Amino acid sequence: MTYRTMKLSSALIVGTMLAAGAAHAADYPDHSINMVVPFSAGGPTDNVARSLAEAMRPTLGQTIVVENKAGAGGTIGTSQIARAKPDGYSILLMHIGFSTAPSLYKNPNYDAKTSFQPIGLVVDVPMTIIARSDFPANNIKELIEYIKANKDKVSLANAGIGAASHLCGTMFSQAIGVDLLTVPYKGTGPAMNDLLGKQVDLLCDQTTNTTQHIKAGTVKAYAVTSKERVSTLPNLPTMQESGFKDFEVGIWHGMWAPAGTPKPVTDKLISALQAGMATPDFQKRMAALGATVLTSEANPEALTKKVEQQVPQWADLFKKVGVQAQ
């Protein structure tokens, strides 16, 4: 075979592949899409996912089915999407844990840089520091004083290594200079249930999961972790107001597809994401939960930048507090 013939054959193969990809994109989606949430049902990330799935449906013309695949700090569900067929029918909704997993797990079974095609950022959710309803402290100052005086007796729940509550709890312990007794659970639901049942003392979790309990008075709330107060919880001071000027953590959420997903398909997902996030109903639901909709950052570039910034930041924090990769 001559060089010219080989060149023509290669061009024909590439042309055929592009044509097939274009045809696939033109028909996409022709059936339901699976959105994996790597945490348990009823948790804060699940709440965002189900509202978003409904908001994206009109643009895509197909149902988005939310699948909860919990375990190992979100790495089980995340790795499932990394291995999925890159055809646009398997997508991931994951939070800040996407950036912490490289430091927390020696082998999460995916590469945060190469295993995924970013779609865009979705929301940023502040955290709240809460306690069981009968906890002795009544404000953040009293809380810190009580913890320091009773550090061997106070328990801090979290939803497992790599969960948002684990990250926030780690920052809180470092900020107040106390190595608290931590109680890990398999998901936010069980952690919250034990807090409500007064089996554990403290929890730092997202407003999407705590707002209803704070307003109902079934937990005590002390502070929010955002830079400014949350409009839905106006009486809660920020940690910065409370004297911790560098304490700020927001649990951002993003959407990804498997690496290799055709650009025309990801373009449709990006358009559907942006349209869904702009709907009044989605905006209203997120505002009621204290979440900020990241409308201007619902694109691959913003999500890529966020991950590149945060991976080394969390690696530095974990190193400082002595958290070892599992």
Protein backbone atom coordinates (compact mmCIF):
# COMPACT_ATOMS: atom_id res chain seq x y z
CA MET A 1 0.00 0.00 0.00
CA THR A 2 1.42 3.37 -1.01
CA TYR A 3 1.76 6.32 1.34
CA ARG A 4 -0.92 8.15 -0.65
CA THR A 5 -3.29 5.20 -0.37
CA MET A 6 -2.64 4.92 3.35
CA LYS A 7 -3.30 8.63 3.75
CA LEU A 8 -6.57 8.37 1.85
CA SER A 9 -7.65 5.33 3.90
CA SER A 10 -6.89 7.13 7.14
CA ALA A 11 -8.86 10.14 6.00
CA LEU A 12 -11.82 7.94 5.12
CA ILE A 13 -11.73 6.24 8.53
CA VAL A 14 -11.58 9.57 10.36
CA GLY A 15 -14.35 10.93 8.17
CA THR A 16 -16.53 7.91 8.88
CA MET A 17 -15.94 8.24 12.64
CA LEU A 18 -16.81 11.94 12.58
CA ALA A 19 -19.94 11.26 10.56
CA ALA A 20 -21.00 8.53 12.99
CA GLY A 21 -20.35 10.83 15.92
CA ALA A 22 -22.36 13.61 14.31
CA ALA A 23 -25.25 11.24 13.62
CA HIS A 24 -25.18 10.05 17.24
CA ALA A 25 -25.18 13.62 18.48
CA ALA A 26 -28.08 14.54 16.23
CA ASP A 27 -30.21 11.80 17.79
CA TYR A 28 -28.95 12.40 21.34
CA PRO A 29 -30.64 11.81 23.66
CA ASP A 30 -33.14 9.22 22.43
CA HIS A 31 -33.66 7.57 25.84
CA SER A 32 -33.24 8.37 29.52
CA ILE A 33 -29.92 9.54 30.98
CA ASN A 34 -28.38 8.11 34.15
CA MET A 35 -27.03 10.65 36.66
CA VAL A 36 -24.87 9.03 39.33
CA VAL A 37 -24.75 10.68 42.74
CA PRO A 38 -21.96 8.99 44.72
CA PHE A 39 -23.74 9.48 48.06
CA SER A 40 -26.84 8.12 49.76
CA ALA A 41 -30.40 9.12 48.88
CA GLY A 42 -31.85 11.99 50.87
CA GLY A 43 -28.48 13.65 51.46
CA PRO A 44 -27.53 17.20 50.43
CA THR A 45 -25.93 16.28 47.11
CA ASP A 46 -28.90 14.05 46.28
CA ASN A 47 -31.22 17.02 46.94
CA VAL A 48 -29.33 19.12 44.40
CA ALA A 49 -29.22 16.30 41.87
CA ARG A 50 -32.95 15.58 41.88
CA SER A 51 -33.86 19.24 41.47
CA LEU A 52 -31.32 19.60 38.68
CA ALA A 53 -32.44 16.44 36.88
CA GLU A 54 -35.98 17.78 36.71
CA ALA A 55 -34.80 21.21 35.58
CA MET A 56 -32.71 19.77 32.70
CA ARG A 57 -35.43 17.45 31.40
CA PRO A 58 -37.34 19.94 29.20
CA THR A 59 -34.21 20.92 27.24
CA LEU A 60 -33.05 17.34 26.71
CA GLY A 61 -36.53 15.96 26.06
CA GLN A 62 -35.68 12.89 28.13
CA THR A 63 -35.83 11.89 31.78
CA ILE A 64 -32.68 11.99 33.89
CA VAL A 65 -32.71 9.11 36.37
CA VAL A 66 -30.75 9.73 39.57
CA GLU A 67 -28.79 6.71 40.78
CA ASN A 68 -27.30 6.78 44.28
CA LYS A 69 -24.03 4.87 44.39
CA ALA A 70 -22.61 5.57 47.84
CA GLY A 71 -19.39 4.40 49.44
CA ALA A 72 -15.71 5.21 49.99
CA GLY A 73 -16.18 8.96 50.20
CA GLY A 74 -17.87 9.12 46.81
CA THR A 75 -15.14 7.28 44.91
CA ILE A 76 -17.27 4.20 44.12
CA GLY A 77 -19.91 6.13 42.21
CA THR A 78 -17.34 8.46 40.66
CA SER A 79 -15.25 5.57 39.36
CA GLN A 80 -18.40 4.04 37.87
CA ILE A 81 -18.75 7.05 35.59
CA ALA A 82 -15.03 7.00 34.79
CA ARG A 83 -15.55 3.47 33.41
CA ALA A 84 -18.88 4.17 31.70
CA LYS A 85 -19.39 4.26 27.96
CA PRO A 86 -18.72 7.84 26.79
CA ASP A 87 -22.01 8.30 24.97
CA GLY A 88 -23.71 10.96 27.10
CA TYR A 89 -26.07 8.55 28.84
CA SER A 90 -23.97 8.33 32.01
CA ILE A 91 -23.13 11.53 33.89
CA LEU A 92 -21.84 12.39 37.35
CA LEU A 93 -22.96 14.96 39.89
CA MET A 94 -20.25 15.23 42.54
CA HIS A 95 -19.22 17.85 45.07
CA ILE A 96 -15.92 19.22 46.37
CA GLY A 97 -14.91 15.65 47.23
CA PHE A 98 -13.82 15.34 43.60
CA SER A 99 -10.85 17.55 44.55
CA THR A 100 -10.06 15.89 47.86
CA ALA A 101 -10.11 12.25 46.77
CA PRO A 102 -6.60 12.37 45.21
CA SER A 103 -5.23 13.16 48.68
CA LEU A 104 -7.51 10.90 50.70
CA TYR A 105 -7.28 7.72 48.62
CA LYS A 106 -4.14 6.09 47.28
CA ASN A 107 -6.13 4.54 44.45
CA PRO A 108 -9.61 6.00 43.88
CA ASN A 109 -9.80 4.01 40.60
CA TYR A 110 -9.88 7.09 38.40
CA ASP A 111 -7.74 10.08 37.50
CA ALA A 112 -9.34 13.43 38.34
CA LYS A 113 -7.48 15.07 35.44
CA THR A 114 -7.94 12.54 32.64
CA SER A 115 -10.91 10.27 33.39
CA PHE A 116 -13.66 12.83 32.86
CA GLN A 117 -15.05 15.45 30.54
CA PRO A 118 -16.16 18.45 32.65
CA ILE A 119 -19.62 19.88 31.94
CA GLY A 120 -19.84 22.73 34.46
CA LEU A 121 -20.20 23.98 38.01
CA VAL A 122 -23.72 23.92 39.47
CA VAL A 123 -24.11 25.31 43.00
CA ASP A 124 -22.08 26.37 46.00
CA VAL A 125 -23.48 25.39 49.37
CA PRO A 126 -22.34 26.81 52.73
CA MET A 127 -21.98 24.58 55.75
CA THR A 128 -23.53 24.95 59.19
CA ILE A 129 -22.07 23.93 62.52
CA ILE A 130 -24.85 22.28 64.49
CA ALA A 131 -25.36 20.18 67.62
CA ARG A 132 -27.98 17.97 69.20
CA SER A 133 -30.92 19.99 70.48
CA ASP A 134 -30.01 19.60 74.16
CA PHE A 135 -26.32 20.43 73.83
CA PRO A 136 -25.26 22.78 76.67
CA ALA A 137 -23.71 25.58 74.55
CA ASN A 138 -26.06 28.25 73.20
CA ASN A 139 -23.76 30.21 70.88
CA ILE A 140 -20.49 29.73 69.02
CA LYS A 141 -18.40 31.25 71.82
CA GLU A 142 -19.93 28.94 74.41
CA LEU A 143 -19.55 26.01 72.01
CA ILE A 144 -15.82 26.47 71.64
CA GLU A 145 -15.35 27.01 75.38
CA TYR A 146 -17.33 23.85 76.13
CA ILE A 147 -15.39 21.79 73.59
CA LYS A 148 -12.03 22.90 74.99
CA ALA A 149 -13.14 22.07 78.53
CA ASN A 150 -14.64 18.70 77.57
CA LYS A 151 -12.67 17.66 74.50
CA ASP A 152 -12.53 14.00 75.52
CA LYS A 153 -16.32 13.82 75.81
CA VAL A 154 -17.50 15.66 72.68
CA SER A 155 -18.18 13.65 69.53
CA LEU A 156 -18.20 15.02 65.98
CA ALA A 157 -20.16 13.04 63.39
CA ASN A 158 -19.43 12.93 59.66
CA ALA A 159 -20.75 11.07 56.65
CA GLY A 160 -17.50 9.24 55.97
CA ILE A 161 -13.98 10.02 54.77
CA GLY A 162 -14.13 12.54 51.93
CA ALA A 163 -17.71 13.61 52.63
CA ALA A 164 -18.46 17.32 52.91
CA SER A 165 -19.10 16.94 56.64
CA HIS A 166 -15.70 15.30 57.07
CA LEU A 167 -13.95 18.15 55.25
CA CYS A 168 -15.76 20.81 57.25
CA GLY A 169 -15.18 18.95 60.51
CA THR A 170 -11.47 18.72 59.74
CA MET A 171 -11.28 22.47 59.17
CA PHE A 172 -13.29 23.17 62.34
CA SER A 173 -11.03 21.00 64.49
CA GLN A 174 -7.94 22.70 63.09
CA ALA A 175 -9.44 26.18 63.56
CA ILE A 176 -10.24 25.68 67.26
CA GLY A 177 -7.10 23.68 67.96
CA VAL A 178 -8.86 20.60 69.34
CA ASP A 179 -8.54 17.06 68.00
CA LEU A 180 -12.15 15.97 68.37
CA LEU A 181 -13.42 12.42 68.62
CA THR A 182 -14.92 11.77 65.17
CA VAL A 183 -17.67 9.29 64.42
CA PRO A 184 -17.85 8.37 60.71
CA TYR A 185 -21.10 7.13 59.18
CA LYS A 186 -22.02 5.65 55.82
CA GLY A 187 -23.81 8.72 54.57
CA THR A 188 -25.29 11.99 55.78
CA GLY A 189 -28.69 10.45 56.55
CA PRO A 190 -27.44 8.11 59.29
CA ALA A 191 -25.21 10.84 60.75
CA MET A 192 -28.11 13.29 60.95
CA ASN A 193 -30.43 10.64 62.37
CA ASP A 194 -28.03 9.95 65.24
CA LEU A 195 -27.62 13.66 65.88
CA LEU A 196 -31.40 14.04 66.04
CA GLY A 197 -31.50 10.98 68.30
CA LYS A 198 -28.83 12.59 70.54
CA GLN A 199 -26.37 9.74 70.01
CA VAL A 200 -23.64 12.16 68.87
CA ASP A 201 -22.95 15.79 69.75
CA LEU A 202 -21.88 17.79 66.70
CA LEU A 203 -22.11 17.81 62.91
CA CYS A 204 -20.91 20.24 60.26
CA ASP A 205 -23.09 19.81 57.19
CA GLN A 206 -24.52 21.59 54.17
CA THR A 207 -27.46 23.98 54.44
CA THR A 208 -29.27 21.84 51.87
CA ASN A 209 -29.49 19.21 54.60
CA THR A 210 -29.64 21.23 57.81
CA THR A 211 -31.89 24.23 57.11
CA GLN A 212 -35.16 22.42 57.78
CA HIS A 213 -33.87 21.03 61.08
CA ILE A 214 -32.49 24.40 62.19
CA LYS A 215 -35.79 26.14 61.46
CA ALA A 216 -37.74 23.38 63.20
CA GLY A 217 -35.55 23.67 66.29
CA THR A 218 -34.65 19.96 66.26
CA VAL A 219 -30.93 20.89 66.32
CA LYS A 220 -28.92 23.77 67.73
CA ALA A 221 -27.11 25.91 65.15
CA TYR A 222 -24.03 28.02 65.86
CA ALA A 223 -22.49 29.39 62.67
CA VAL A 224 -22.29 29.21 58.89
CA THR A 225 -19.05 28.73 56.99
CA SER A 226 -19.70 31.21 54.17
CA LYS A 227 -18.04 34.61 53.91
CA GLU A 228 -21.38 36.33 54.44
CA ARG A 229 -24.49 35.37 56.36
CA VAL A 230 -27.02 33.12 54.61
CA SER A 231 -30.29 34.89 53.81
CA THR A 232 -32.39 31.88 54.83
CA LEU A 233 -30.61 31.70 58.21
CA PRO A 234 -30.05 35.40 58.96
CA ASN A 235 -29.52 34.96 62.71
CA LEU A 236 -26.53 32.64 62.31
CA PRO A 237 -23.16 34.42 62.39
CA THR A 238 -20.36 33.43 60.06
CA MET A 239 -17.23 31.79 61.42
CA GLN A 240 -15.34 34.87 60.29
CA GLU A 241 -17.63 37.10 62.38
CA SER A 242 -16.95 34.77 65.28
CA GLY A 243 -13.21 35.44 65.18
CA PHE A 244 -11.98 32.86 62.65
CA LYS A 245 -11.09 35.19 59.78
CA ASP A 246 -9.68 32.48 57.50
CA PHE A 247 -12.49 29.98 58.08
CA GLU A 248 -14.50 29.76 54.88
CA VAL A 249 -15.66 26.63 53.10
CA GLY A 250 -18.30 26.22 50.45
CA ILE A 251 -19.28 22.84 49.08
CA TRP A 252 -19.39 23.38 45.34
CA HIS A 253 -21.01 20.82 43.06
CA GLY A 254 -20.11 20.01 39.47
CA MET A 255 -21.19 17.80 36.60
CA TRP A 256 -18.97 15.51 34.54
CA ALA A 257 -19.25 12.97 31.72
CA PRO A 258 -16.75 10.18 30.98
CA ALA A 259 -13.63 11.19 29.06
CA GLY A 260 -14.09 10.71 25.34
CA THR A 261 -17.72 11.80 25.24
CA PRO A 262 -18.22 13.44 21.81
CA LYS A 263 -18.17 17.23 21.85
CA PRO A 264 -21.61 17.61 20.20
CA VAL A 265 -23.04 15.48 23.02
CA THR A 266 -21.28 17.41 25.79
CA ASP A 267 -22.41 20.65 24.13
CA LYS A 268 -26.02 19.47 24.52
CA LEU A 269 -25.41 18.59 28.16
CA ILE A 270 -23.84 22.01 28.78
CA SER A 271 -26.82 23.75 27.16
CA ALA A 272 -29.27 21.68 29.20
CA LEU A 273 -27.32 22.37 32.40
CA GLN A 274 -27.28 26.10 31.78
CA ALA A 275 -30.97 26.20 30.85
CA GLY A 276 -31.96 24.11 33.86
CA MET A 277 -29.98 26.23 36.29
CA ALA A 278 -31.65 29.37 34.91
CA THR A 279 -35.19 28.15 35.55
CA PRO A 280 -37.06 30.04 38.29
CA ASP A 281 -38.08 26.79 39.98
CA PHE A 282 -34.49 25.52 40.34
CA GLN A 283 -33.30 28.93 41.49
CA LYS A 284 -36.09 29.09 44.07
CA ARG A 285 -35.42 25.58 45.39
CA MET A 286 -31.71 26.22 45.81
CA ALA A 287 -32.23 29.64 47.42
CA ALA A 288 -34.59 28.08 49.97
CA LEU A 289 -31.77 25.72 50.95
CA GLY A 290 -29.16 28.47 51.20
CA ALA A 291 -27.32 27.39 48.03
CA THR A 292 -25.88 29.80 45.46
CA VAL A 293 -26.55 28.85 41.84
CA LEU A 294 -23.30 29.31 39.87
CA THR A 295 -24.95 30.42 36.64
CA SER A 296 -21.91 32.15 35.15
CA GLU A 297 -19.68 29.14 35.90
CA ALA A 298 -21.84 26.44 34.34
CA ASN A 299 -19.18 25.58 31.77
CA PRO A 300 -16.23 23.17 31.40
CA GLU A 301 -13.56 25.87 31.74
CA ALA A 302 -14.79 27.07 35.14
CA LEU A 303 -15.08 23.52 36.50
CA THR A 304 -11.59 22.59 35.26
CA LYS A 305 -10.13 25.71 36.88
CA LYS A 306 -11.89 24.97 40.17
CA VAL A 307 -10.50 21.43 40.36
CA GLU A 308 -6.97 22.53 39.43
CA GLN A 309 -7.04 25.14 42.20
CA GLN A 310 -8.51 22.96 44.91
CA VAL A 311 -6.62 19.67 44.57
CA PRO A 312 -3.34 21.15 45.91
CA GLN A 313 -5.14 23.30 48.53
CA TRP A 314 -6.79 20.28 50.17
CA ALA A 315 -3.58 18.26 49.88
CA ASP A 316 -1.81 20.95 51.92
CA LEU A 317 -4.56 21.00 54.58
CA PHE A 318 -4.63 17.23 54.99
CA LYS A 319 -0.85 17.20 55.33
CA LYS A 320 -1.01 19.84 58.06
CA VAL A 321 -3.61 17.97 60.11
CA GLY A 322 -2.02 14.57 59.56
CA VAL A 323 -4.76 12.93 57.47
CA GLN A 324 -3.29 9.94 55.68
CA ALA A 325 -4.40 8.54 52.33
CA GLN A 326 -6.25 5.24 52.63
